[in-house]
Amino acid sequence: MRSRYSAYVLQLEHYLLDTWHASTRRPSLDLAQEGTTRWLGLEIRHHQRTGPDSATVEFVARYKIAGRAFRLHEISRFIREDARWYYVDGAFPERGVR
């Protein structure tokens, strides 16, 4: 998760696509639009193995666009294939959920 956050900060589209599982990966990302995003920090709130080759990571990423602050709170699913972890998808937790 931390490496993917760093890739967003550095606009490394190739890395983001390479670490996104083929079953849910987009054909491309529009990181040029992200150029106006100023990333402020990442907080990993919780991580959990959900199986021998699967896990979830709950995080909050803070950022600003045009001086306005935002936060992305997500629970991401990852799977491991051939000794590599891949992002599958994410869900937004309800308020009050860990």
PDB file of N, CA and C in Angstrom:
ATOM      1  N   MET A   1       0.826  -1.192   0.000  1.00  0.00           N
ATOM      2  CA  MET A   1       0.000   0.000   0.000  1.00  0.00           C
ATOM      3  C   MET A   1       0.866   1.251   0.000  1.00  0.00           C
ATOM      4  N   ARG A   2       1.899   1.243   0.801  1.00  0.00           N
ATOM      5  CA  ARG A   2       2.768   2.424   0.858  1.00  0.00           C
ATOM      6  C   ARG A   2       3.441   2.686  -0.478  1.00  0.00           C
ATOM      7  N   SER A   3       3.844   1.627  -1.152  1.00  0.00           N
ATOM      8  CA  SER A   3       4.512   1.825  -2.448  1.00  0.00           C
ATOM      9  C   SER A   3       3.531   2.380  -3.481  1.00  0.00           C
ATOM     10  N   ARG A   4       2.282   1.970  -3.433  1.00  0.00           N
ATOM     11  CA  ARG A   4       1.294   2.497  -4.375  1.00  0.00           C
ATOM     12  C   ARG A   4       0.986   3.957  -4.067  1.00  0.00           C
ATOM     13  N   TYR A   5       0.907   4.313  -2.794  1.00  0.00           N
ATOM     14  CA  TYR A   5       0.717   5.723  -2.423  1.00  0.00           C
ATOM     15  C   TYR A   5       1.881   6.554  -2.970  1.00  0.00           C
ATOM     16  N   SER A   6       3.102   6.077  -2.749  1.00  0.00           N
ATOM     17  CA  SER A   6       4.284   6.792  -3.249  1.00  0.00           C
ATOM     18  C   SER A   6       4.240   6.931  -4.762  1.00  0.00           C
ATOM     19  N   ALA A   7       3.753   5.897  -5.448  1.00  0.00           N
ATOM     20  CA  ALA A   7       3.650   5.954  -6.902  1.00  0.00           C
ATOM     21  C   ALA A   7       2.646   7.024  -7.341  1.00  0.00           C
ATOM     22  N   TYR A   8       1.556   7.184  -6.584  1.00  0.00           N
ATOM     23  CA  TYR A   8       0.628   8.273  -6.900  1.00  0.00           C
ATOM     24  C   TYR A   8       1.300   9.625  -6.690  1.00  0.00           C
ATOM     25  N   VAL A   9       2.020   9.771  -5.588  1.00  0.00           N
ATOM     26  CA  VAL A   9       2.713  11.030  -5.306  1.00  0.00           C
ATOM     27  C   VAL A   9       3.687  11.367  -6.438  1.00  0.00           C
ATOM     28  N   LEU A  10       4.416  10.360  -6.914  1.00  0.00           N
ATOM     29  CA  LEU A  10       5.437  10.560  -7.948  1.00  0.00           C
ATOM     30  C   LEU A  10       4.896  10.403  -9.373  1.00  0.00           C
ATOM     31  N   GLN A  11       3.600  10.129  -9.487  1.00  0.00           N
ATOM     32  CA  GLN A  11       2.914   9.946 -10.769  1.00  0.00           C
ATOM     33  C   GLN A  11       3.560   8.840 -11.616  1.00  0.00           C
ATOM     34  N   LEU A  12       3.798   7.695 -10.993  1.00  0.00           N
ATOM     35  CA  LEU A  12       4.410   6.548 -11.663  1.00  0.00           C
ATOM     36  C   LEU A  12       3.325   5.598 -12.180  1.00  0.00           C
ATOM     37  N   GLU A  13       2.717   5.980 -13.280  1.00  0.00           N
ATOM     38  CA  GLU A  13       1.600   5.211 -13.829  1.00  0.00           C
ATOM     39  C   GLU A  13       1.994   3.767 -14.124  1.00  0.00           C
ATOM     40  N   HIS A  14       3.165   3.562 -14.672  1.00  0.00           N
ATOM     41  CA  HIS A  14       3.621   2.212 -15.023  1.00  0.00           C
ATOM     42  C   HIS A  14       3.618   1.310 -13.778  1.00  0.00           C
ATOM     43  N   TYR A  15       4.146   1.805 -12.673  1.00  0.00           N
ATOM     44  CA  TYR A  15       4.187   1.014 -11.437  1.00  0.00           C
ATOM     45  C   TYR A  15       2.769   0.729 -10.938  1.00  0.00           C
ATOM     46  N   LEU A  16       1.904   1.731 -10.968  1.00  0.00           N
ATOM     47  CA  LEU A  16       0.528   1.532 -10.496  1.00  0.00           C
ATOM     48  C   LEU A  16      -0.185   0.465 -11.314  1.00  0.00           C
ATOM     49  N   LEU A  17      -0.017   0.504 -12.628  1.00  0.00           N
ATOM     50  CA  LEU A  17      -0.657  -0.507 -13.471  1.00  0.00           C
ATOM     51  C   LEU A  17      -0.030  -1.886 -13.270  1.00  0.00           C
ATOM     52  N   ASP A  18       1.283  -1.930 -13.082  1.00  0.00           N
ATOM     53  CA  ASP A  18       1.968  -3.213 -12.860  1.00  0.00           C
ATOM     54  C   ASP A  18       1.574  -3.875 -11.542  1.00  0.00           C
ATOM     55  N   THR A  19       1.161  -3.087 -10.562  1.00  0.00           N
ATOM     56  CA  THR A  19       0.791  -3.645  -9.251  1.00  0.00           C
ATOM     57  C   THR A  19      -0.723  -3.749  -9.081  1.00  0.00           C
ATOM     58  N   TRP A  20      -1.459  -3.561 -10.152  1.00  0.00           N
ATOM     59  CA  TRP A  20      -2.924  -3.664 -10.155  1.00  0.00           C
ATOM     60  C   TRP A  20      -3.268  -5.001 -10.780  1.00  0.00           C
ATOM     61  N   HIS A  21      -4.077  -5.804 -10.134  1.00  0.00           N
ATOM     62  CA  HIS A  21      -4.405  -7.135 -10.629  1.00  0.00           C
ATOM     63  C   HIS A  21      -5.105  -7.050 -11.985  1.00  0.00           C
ATOM     64  N   ALA A  22      -4.729  -7.939 -12.883  1.00  0.00           N
ATOM     65  CA  ALA A  22      -5.249  -7.928 -14.260  1.00  0.00           C
ATOM     66  C   ALA A  22      -6.766  -8.035 -14.325  1.00  0.00           C
ATOM     67  N   SER A  23      -7.387  -8.677 -13.341  1.00  0.00           N
ATOM     68  CA  SER A  23      -8.844  -8.867 -13.373  1.00  0.00           C
ATOM     69  C   SER A  23      -9.624  -7.567 -13.168  1.00  0.00           C
ATOM     70  N   THR A  24      -9.002  -6.556 -12.585  1.00  0.00           N
ATOM     71  CA  THR A  24      -9.702  -5.295 -12.317  1.00  0.00           C
ATOM     72  C   THR A  24      -8.944  -4.068 -12.825  1.00  0.00           C
ATOM     73  N   ARG A  25      -7.784  -4.276 -13.405  1.00  0.00           N
ATOM     74  CA  ARG A  25      -6.923  -3.163 -13.839  1.00  0.00           C
ATOM     75  C   ARG A  25      -7.562  -2.376 -14.981  1.00  0.00           C
ATOM     76  N   ARG A  26      -7.439  -1.073 -14.885  1.00  0.00           N
ATOM     77  CA  ARG A  26      -7.869  -0.188 -15.961  1.00  0.00           C
ATOM     78  C   ARG A  26      -6.833  -0.236 -17.083  1.00  0.00           C
ATOM     79  N   PRO A  27      -7.222   0.105 -18.298  1.00  0.00           N
ATOM     80  CA  PRO A  27      -6.243   0.115 -19.383  1.00  0.00           C
ATOM     81  C   PRO A  27      -5.180   1.201 -19.207  1.00  0.00           C
ATOM     82  N   SER A  28      -5.557   2.306 -18.573  1.00  0.00           N
ATOM     83  CA  SER A  28      -4.603   3.384 -18.325  1.00  0.00           C
ATOM     84  C   SER A  28      -5.142   4.266 -17.200  1.00  0.00           C
ATOM     85  N   LEU A  29      -4.276   5.114 -16.701  1.00  0.00           N
ATOM     86  CA  LEU A  29      -4.654   6.082 -15.673  1.00  0.00           C
ATOM     87  C   LEU A  29      -4.395   7.476 -16.219  1.00  0.00           C
ATOM     88  N   ASP A  30      -5.178   8.425 -15.802  1.00  0.00           N
ATOM     89  CA  ASP A  30      -4.970   9.805 -16.241  1.00  0.00           C
ATOM     90  C   ASP A  30      -4.260  10.562 -15.127  1.00  0.00           C
ATOM     91  N   LEU A  31      -2.974  10.286 -14.964  1.00  0.00           N
ATOM     92  CA  LEU A  31      -2.226  10.936 -13.898  1.00  0.00           C
ATOM     93  C   LEU A  31      -1.885  12.381 -14.218  1.00  0.00           C
ATOM     94  N   ALA A  32      -2.038  12.797 -15.474  1.00  0.00           N
ATOM     95  CA  ALA A  32      -1.812  14.202 -15.814  1.00  0.00           C
ATOM     96  C   ALA A  32      -2.779  15.079 -15.021  1.00  0.00           C
ATOM     97  N   GLN A  33      -3.995  14.591 -14.856  1.00  0.00           N
ATOM     98  CA  GLN A  33      -4.993  15.301 -14.063  1.00  0.00           C
ATOM     99  C   GLN A  33      -4.556  15.347 -12.599  1.00  0.00           C
ATOM    100  N   GLU A  34      -3.843  14.315 -12.153  1.00  0.00           N
ATOM    101  CA  GLU A  34      -3.365  14.252 -10.781  1.00  0.00           C
ATOM    102  C   GLU A  34      -2.305  15.307 -10.501  1.00  0.00           C
ATOM    103  N   GLY A  35      -1.764  15.918 -11.539  1.00  0.00           N
ATOM    104  CA  GLY A  35      -0.721  16.916 -11.367  1.00  0.00           C
ATOM    105  C   GLY A  35      -1.139  18.078 -10.478  1.00  0.00           C
ATOM    106  N   THR A  36      -2.428  18.314 -10.379  1.00  0.00           N
ATOM    107  CA  THR A  36      -2.920  19.386  -9.517  1.00  0.00           C
ATOM    108  C   THR A  36      -3.123  18.909  -8.081  1.00  0.00           C
ATOM    109  N   THR A  37      -2.919  17.620  -7.844  1.00  0.00           N
ATOM    110  CA  THR A  37      -3.104  17.042  -6.514  1.00  0.00           C
ATOM    111  C   THR A  37      -1.816  17.157  -5.713  1.00  0.00           C
ATOM    112  N   ARG A  38      -1.929  17.657  -4.503  1.00  0.00           N
ATOM    113  CA  ARG A  38      -0.784  17.708  -3.581  1.00  0.00           C
ATOM    114  C   ARG A  38      -1.056  16.714  -2.461  1.00  0.00           C
ATOM    115  N   TRP A  39      -0.317  15.615  -2.470  1.00  0.00           N
ATOM    116  CA  TRP A  39      -0.505  14.558  -1.483  1.00  0.00           C
ATOM    117  C   TRP A  39       0.143  14.978  -0.171  1.00  0.00           C
ATOM    118  N   LEU A  40      -0.566  14.773   0.938  1.00  0.00           N
ATOM    119  CA  LEU A  40      -0.126  15.260   2.249  1.00  0.00           C
ATOM    120  C   LEU A  40       0.274  14.161   3.217  1.00  0.00           C
ATOM    121  N   GLY A  41      -0.183  12.948   2.999  1.00  0.00           N
ATOM    122  CA  GLY A  41       0.183  11.887   3.926  1.00  0.00           C
ATOM    123  C   GLY A  41      -0.691  10.660   3.811  1.00  0.00           C
ATOM    124  N   LEU A  42      -0.154   9.577   4.331  1.00  0.00           N
ATOM    125  CA  LEU A  42      -0.837   8.283   4.326  1.00  0.00           C
ATOM    126  C   LEU A  42      -0.821   7.720   5.731  1.00  0.00           C
ATOM    127  N   GLU A  43      -1.977   7.302   6.193  1.00  0.00           N
ATOM    128  CA  GLU A  43      -2.094   6.625   7.489  1.00  0.00           C
ATOM    129  C   GLU A  43      -2.663   5.233   7.241  1.00  0.00           C
ATOM    130  N   ILE A  44      -1.900   4.216   7.596  1.00  0.00           N
ATOM    131  CA  ILE A  44      -2.396   2.841   7.527  1.00  0.00           C
ATOM    132  C   ILE A  44      -3.120   2.584   8.842  1.00  0.00           C
ATOM    133  N   ARG A  45      -4.404   2.333   8.763  1.00  0.00           N
ATOM    134  CA  ARG A  45      -5.199   2.144   9.984  1.00  0.00           C
ATOM    135  C   ARG A  45      -5.262   0.685  10.426  1.00  0.00           C
ATOM    136  N   HIS A  46      -5.282  -0.210   9.459  1.00  0.00           N
ATOM    137  CA  HIS A  46      -5.440  -1.622   9.809  1.00  0.00           C
ATOM    138  C   HIS A  46      -5.050  -2.465   8.596  1.00  0.00           C
ATOM    139  N   HIS A  47      -4.440  -3.588   8.854  1.00  0.00           N
ATOM    140  CA  HIS A  47      -4.170  -4.545   7.782  1.00  0.00           C
ATOM    141  C   HIS A  47      -4.449  -5.925   8.325  1.00  0.00           C
ATOM    142  N   GLN A  48      -4.885  -6.794   7.446  1.00  0.00           N
ATOM    143  CA  GLN A  48      -5.282  -8.124   7.892  1.00  0.00           C
ATOM    144  C   GLN A  48      -5.110  -9.132   6.766  1.00  0.00           C
ATOM    145  N   ARG A  49      -4.501 -10.249   7.088  1.00  0.00           N
ATOM    146  CA  ARG A  49      -4.464 -11.379   6.150  1.00  0.00           C
ATOM    147  C   ARG A  49      -5.858 -11.982   6.136  1.00  0.00           C
ATOM    148  N   THR A  50      -6.386 -12.211   4.965  1.00  0.00           N
ATOM    149  CA  THR A  50      -7.711 -12.815   4.850  1.00  0.00           C
ATOM    150  C   THR A  50      -7.623 -14.228   4.293  1.00  0.00           C
ATOM    151  N   GLY A  51      -6.419 -14.656   3.989  1.00  0.00           N
ATOM    152  CA  GLY A  51      -6.142 -15.983   3.465  1.00  0.00           C
ATOM    153  C   GLY A  51      -4.651 -16.099   3.228  1.00  0.00           C
ATOM    154  N   PRO A  52      -4.173 -17.250   2.779  1.00  0.00           N
ATOM    155  CA  PRO A  52      -2.736 -17.410   2.569  1.00  0.00           C
ATOM    156  C   PRO A  52      -2.177 -16.471   1.499  1.00  0.00           C
ATOM    157  N   ASP A  53      -3.010 -16.069   0.546  1.00  0.00           N
ATOM    158  CA  ASP A  53      -2.570 -15.196  -0.539  1.00  0.00           C
ATOM    159  C   ASP A  53      -3.509 -14.014  -0.743  1.00  0.00           C
ATOM    160  N   SER A  54      -4.120 -13.551   0.335  1.00  0.00           N
ATOM    161  CA  SER A  54      -5.014 -12.391   0.239  1.00  0.00           C
ATOM    162  C   SER A  54      -4.937 -11.578   1.526  1.00  0.00           C
ATOM    163  N   ALA A  55      -5.207 -10.284   1.391  1.00  0.00           N
ATOM    164  CA  ALA A  55      -5.142  -9.382   2.544  1.00  0.00           C
ATOM    165  C   ALA A  55      -5.959  -8.133   2.261  1.00  0.00           C
ATOM    166  N   THR A  56      -6.277  -7.417   3.317  1.00  0.00           N
ATOM    167  CA  THR A  56      -6.907  -6.101   3.189  1.00  0.00           C
ATOM    168  C   THR A  56      -6.054  -5.081   3.927  1.00  0.00           C
ATOM    169  N   VAL A  57      -6.126  -3.850   3.455  1.00  0.00           N
ATOM    170  CA  VAL A  57      -5.443  -2.735   4.098  1.00  0.00           C
ATOM    171  C   VAL A  57      -6.418  -1.571   4.172  1.00  0.00           C
ATOM    172  N   GLU A  58      -6.662  -1.089   5.387  1.00  0.00           N
ATOM    173  CA  GLU A  58      -7.482   0.106   5.563  1.00  0.00           C
ATOM    174  C   GLU A  58      -6.544   1.292   5.708  1.00  0.00           C
ATOM    175  N   PHE A  59      -6.805   2.339   4.947  1.00  0.00           N
ATOM    176  CA  PHE A  59      -5.932   3.506   4.988  1.00  0.00           C
ATOM    177  C   PHE A  59      -6.721   4.793   4.818  1.00  0.00           C
ATOM    178  N   VAL A  60      -6.080   5.883   5.184  1.00  0.00           N
ATOM    179  CA  VAL A  60      -6.572   7.228   4.906  1.00  0.00           C
ATOM    180  C   VAL A  60      -5.432   7.990   4.239  1.00  0.00           C
ATOM    181  N   ALA A  61      -5.692   8.504   3.057  1.00  0.00           N
ATOM    182  CA  ALA A  61      -4.724   9.347   2.351  1.00  0.00           C
ATOM    183  C   ALA A  61      -5.295  10.762   2.317  1.00  0.00           C
ATOM    184  N   ARG A  62      -4.458  11.719   2.699  1.00  0.00           N
ATOM    185  CA  ARG A  62      -4.893  13.121   2.698  1.00  0.00           C
ATOM    186  C   ARG A  62      -4.227  13.855   1.531  1.00  0.00           C
ATOM    187  N   TYR A  63      -5.003  14.764   0.922  1.00  0.00           N
ATOM    188  CA  TYR A  63      -4.471  15.514  -0.217  1.00  0.00           C
ATOM    189  C   TYR A  63      -5.213  16.830  -0.378  1.00  0.00           C
ATOM    190  N   LYS A  64      -4.631  17.720  -1.188  1.00  0.00           N
ATOM    191  CA  LYS A  64      -5.254  18.999  -1.505  1.00  0.00           C
ATOM    192  C   LYS A  64      -5.304  19.175  -3.012  1.00  0.00           C
ATOM    193  N   ILE A  65      -6.387  19.783  -3.442  1.00  0.00           N
ATOM    194  CA  ILE A  65      -6.547  20.200  -4.833  1.00  0.00           C
ATOM    195  C   ILE A  65      -6.999  21.645  -4.799  1.00  0.00           C
ATOM    196  N   ALA A  66      -6.230  22.502  -5.439  1.00  0.00           N
ATOM    197  CA  ALA A  66      -6.540  23.941  -5.487  1.00  0.00           C
ATOM    198  C   ALA A  66      -6.769  24.503  -4.085  1.00  0.00           C
ATOM    199  N   GLY A  67      -5.946  24.066  -3.132  1.00  0.00           N
ATOM    200  CA  GLY A  67      -6.025  24.583  -1.774  1.00  0.00           C
ATOM    201  C   GLY A  67      -7.118  23.975  -0.913  1.00  0.00           C
ATOM    202  N   ARG A  68      -7.940  23.120  -1.479  1.00  0.00           N
ATOM    203  CA  ARG A  68      -9.026  22.482  -0.725  1.00  0.00           C
ATOM    204  C   ARG A  68      -8.595  21.097  -0.275  1.00  0.00           C
ATOM    205  N   ALA A  69      -8.792  20.786   1.004  1.00  0.00           N
ATOM    206  CA  ALA A  69      -8.344  19.521   1.591  1.00  0.00           C
ATOM    207  C   ALA A  69      -9.383  18.421   1.389  1.00  0.00           C
ATOM    208  N   PHE A  70      -8.862  17.209   1.121  1.00  0.00           N
ATOM    209  CA  PHE A  70      -9.695  16.017   0.957  1.00  0.00           C
ATOM    210  C   PHE A  70      -9.024  14.853   1.667  1.00  0.00           C
ATOM    211  N   ARG A  71      -9.781  13.804   1.866  1.00  0.00           N
ATOM    212  CA  ARG A  71      -9.221  12.564   2.394  1.00  0.00           C
ATOM    213  C   ARG A  71      -9.904  11.388   1.715  1.00  0.00           C
ATOM    214  N   LEU A  72      -9.110  10.395   1.441  1.00  0.00           N
ATOM    215  CA  LEU A  72      -9.597   9.156   0.839  1.00  0.00           C
ATOM    216  C   LEU A  72      -9.455   8.069   1.894  1.00  0.00           C
ATOM    217  N   HIS A  73     -10.578   7.538   2.346  1.00  0.00           N
ATOM    218  CA  HIS A  73     -10.600   6.463   3.341  1.00  0.00           C
ATOM    219  C   HIS A  73     -11.099   5.224   2.618  1.00  0.00           C
ATOM    220  N   GLU A  74     -10.239   4.204   2.539  1.00  0.00           N
ATOM    221  CA  GLU A  74     -10.563   3.021   1.746  1.00  0.00           C
ATOM    222  C   GLU A  74     -10.072   1.764   2.439  1.00  0.00           C
ATOM    223  N   ILE A  75     -10.767   0.679   2.182  1.00  0.00           N
ATOM    224  CA  ILE A  75     -10.291  -0.651   2.547  1.00  0.00           C
ATOM    225  C   ILE A  75      -9.975  -1.350   1.229  1.00  0.00           C
ATOM    226  N   SER A  76      -8.689  -1.558   0.990  1.00  0.00           N
ATOM    227  CA  SER A  76      -8.214  -2.136  -0.265  1.00  0.00           C
ATOM    228  C   SER A  76      -8.017  -3.640  -0.121  1.00  0.00           C
ATOM    229  N   ARG A  77      -8.342  -4.358  -1.186  1.00  0.00           N
ATOM    230  CA  ARG A  77      -8.101  -5.801  -1.219  1.00  0.00           C
ATOM    231  C   ARG A  77      -6.888  -6.077  -2.095  1.00  0.00           C
ATOM    232  N   PHE A  78      -6.035  -6.981  -1.625  1.00  0.00           N
ATOM    233  CA  PHE A  78      -4.838  -7.393  -2.339  1.00  0.00           C
ATOM    234  C   PHE A  78      -4.794  -8.908  -2.433  1.00  0.00           C
ATOM    235  N   ILE A  79      -4.208  -9.410  -3.512  1.00  0.00           N
ATOM    236  CA  ILE A  79      -3.945 -10.844  -3.625  1.00  0.00           C
ATOM    237  C   ILE A  79      -2.493 -11.029  -4.056  1.00  0.00           C
ATOM    238  N   ARG A  80      -1.944 -12.172  -3.665  1.00  0.00           N
ATOM    239  CA  ARG A  80      -0.566 -12.495  -4.021  1.00  0.00           C
ATOM    240  C   ARG A  80      -0.568 -13.586  -5.080  1.00  0.00           C
ATOM    241  N   GLU A  81       0.167 -13.323  -6.152  1.00  0.00           N
ATOM    242  CA  GLU A  81       0.362 -14.298  -7.223  1.00  0.00           C
ATOM    243  C   GLU A  81       1.837 -14.277  -7.598  1.00  0.00           C
ATOM    244  N   ASP A  82       2.427 -15.447  -7.731  1.00  0.00           N
ATOM    245  CA  ASP A  82       3.841 -15.554  -8.110  1.00  0.00           C
ATOM    246  C   ASP A  82       4.727 -14.682  -7.220  1.00  0.00           C
ATOM    247  N   ALA A  83       4.462 -14.715  -5.928  1.00  0.00           N
ATOM    248  CA  ALA A  83       5.245 -14.007  -4.903  1.00  0.00           C
ATOM    249  C   ALA A  83       5.130 -12.485  -4.986  1.00  0.00           C
ATOM    250  N   ARG A  84       4.162 -11.953  -5.749  1.00  0.00           N
ATOM    251  CA  ARG A  84       3.945 -10.505  -5.839  1.00  0.00           C
ATOM    252  C   ARG A  84       2.541 -10.171  -5.368  1.00  0.00           C
ATOM    253  N   TRP A  85       2.413  -9.053  -4.657  1.00  0.00           N
ATOM    254  CA  TRP A  85       1.117  -8.579  -4.208  1.00  0.00           C
ATOM    255  C   TRP A  85       0.529  -7.635  -5.248  1.00  0.00           C
ATOM    256  N   TYR A  86      -0.783  -7.777  -5.493  1.00  0.00           N
ATOM    257  CA  TYR A  86      -1.489  -6.949  -6.460  1.00  0.00           C
ATOM    258  C   TYR A  86      -2.727  -6.329  -5.815  1.00  0.00           C
ATOM    259  N   TYR A  87      -2.958  -5.067  -6.095  1.00  0.00           N
ATOM    260  CA  TYR A  87      -4.183  -4.377  -5.698  1.00  0.00           C
ATOM    261  C   TYR A  87      -5.324  -4.931  -6.539  1.00  0.00           C
ATOM    262  N   VAL A  88      -6.440  -5.273  -5.895  1.00  0.00           N
ATOM    263  CA  VAL A  88      -7.611  -5.787  -6.618  1.00  0.00           C
ATOM    264  C   VAL A  88      -8.665  -4.695  -6.728  1.00  0.00           C
ATOM    265  N   ASP A  89      -9.126  -4.208  -5.586  1.00  0.00           N
ATOM    266  CA  ASP A  89     -10.138  -3.157  -5.568  1.00  0.00           C
ATOM    267  C   ASP A  89     -10.242  -2.602  -4.156  1.00  0.00           C
ATOM    268  N   GLY A  90     -11.120  -1.643  -3.990  1.00  0.00           N
ATOM    269  CA  GLY A  90     -11.291  -1.039  -2.679  1.00  0.00           C
ATOM    270  C   GLY A  90     -12.735  -0.673  -2.428  1.00  0.00           C
ATOM    271  N   ALA A  91     -13.060  -0.535  -1.156  1.00  0.00           N
ATOM    272  CA  ALA A  91     -14.400  -0.139  -0.740  1.00  0.00           C
ATOM    273  C   ALA A  91     -14.261   0.980   0.277  1.00  0.00           C
ATOM    274  N   PHE A  92     -15.250   1.818   0.317  1.00  0.00           N
ATOM    275  CA  PHE A  92     -15.258   2.918   1.269  1.00  0.00           C
ATOM    276  C   PHE A  92     -16.036   2.485   2.502  1.00  0.00           C
ATOM    277  N   PRO A  93     -15.373   2.464   3.666  1.00  0.00           N
ATOM    278  CA  PRO A  93     -16.064   2.006   4.876  1.00  0.00           C
ATOM    279  C   PRO A  93     -17.130   2.992   5.332  1.00  0.00           C
ATOM    280  N   GLU A  94     -18.120   2.426   5.987  1.00  0.00           N
ATOM    281  CA  GLU A  94     -19.168   3.284   6.562  1.00  0.00           C
ATOM    282  C   GLU A  94     -18.590   3.997   7.768  1.00  0.00           C
ATOM    283  N   ARG A  95     -19.173   5.115   8.100  1.00  0.00           N
ATOM    284  CA  ARG A  95     -18.716   5.838   9.298  1.00  0.00           C
ATOM    285  C   ARG A  95     -18.869   4.934  10.511  1.00  0.00           C
ATOM    286  N   GLY A  96     -17.884   4.982  11.376  1.00  0.00           N
ATOM    287  CA  GLY A  96     -17.924   4.183  12.586  1.00  0.00           C
ATOM    288  C   GLY A  96     -17.304   2.806  12.425  1.00  0.00           C
ATOM    289  N   VAL A  97     -17.022   2.400  11.183  1.00  0.00           N
ATOM    290  CA  VAL A  97     -16.389   1.118  10.952  1.00  0.00           C
ATOM    291  C   VAL A  97     -14.891   1.307  11.089  1.00  0.00           C
ATOM    292  N   ARG A  98     -14.248   0.374  11.702  1.00  0.00           N
ATOM    293  CA  ARG A  98     -12.794   0.477  11.913  1.00  0.00           C
ATOM    294  C   ARG A  98     -12.065   0.776  10.652  1.00  0.00           C
TER     295      ARG A  98
END
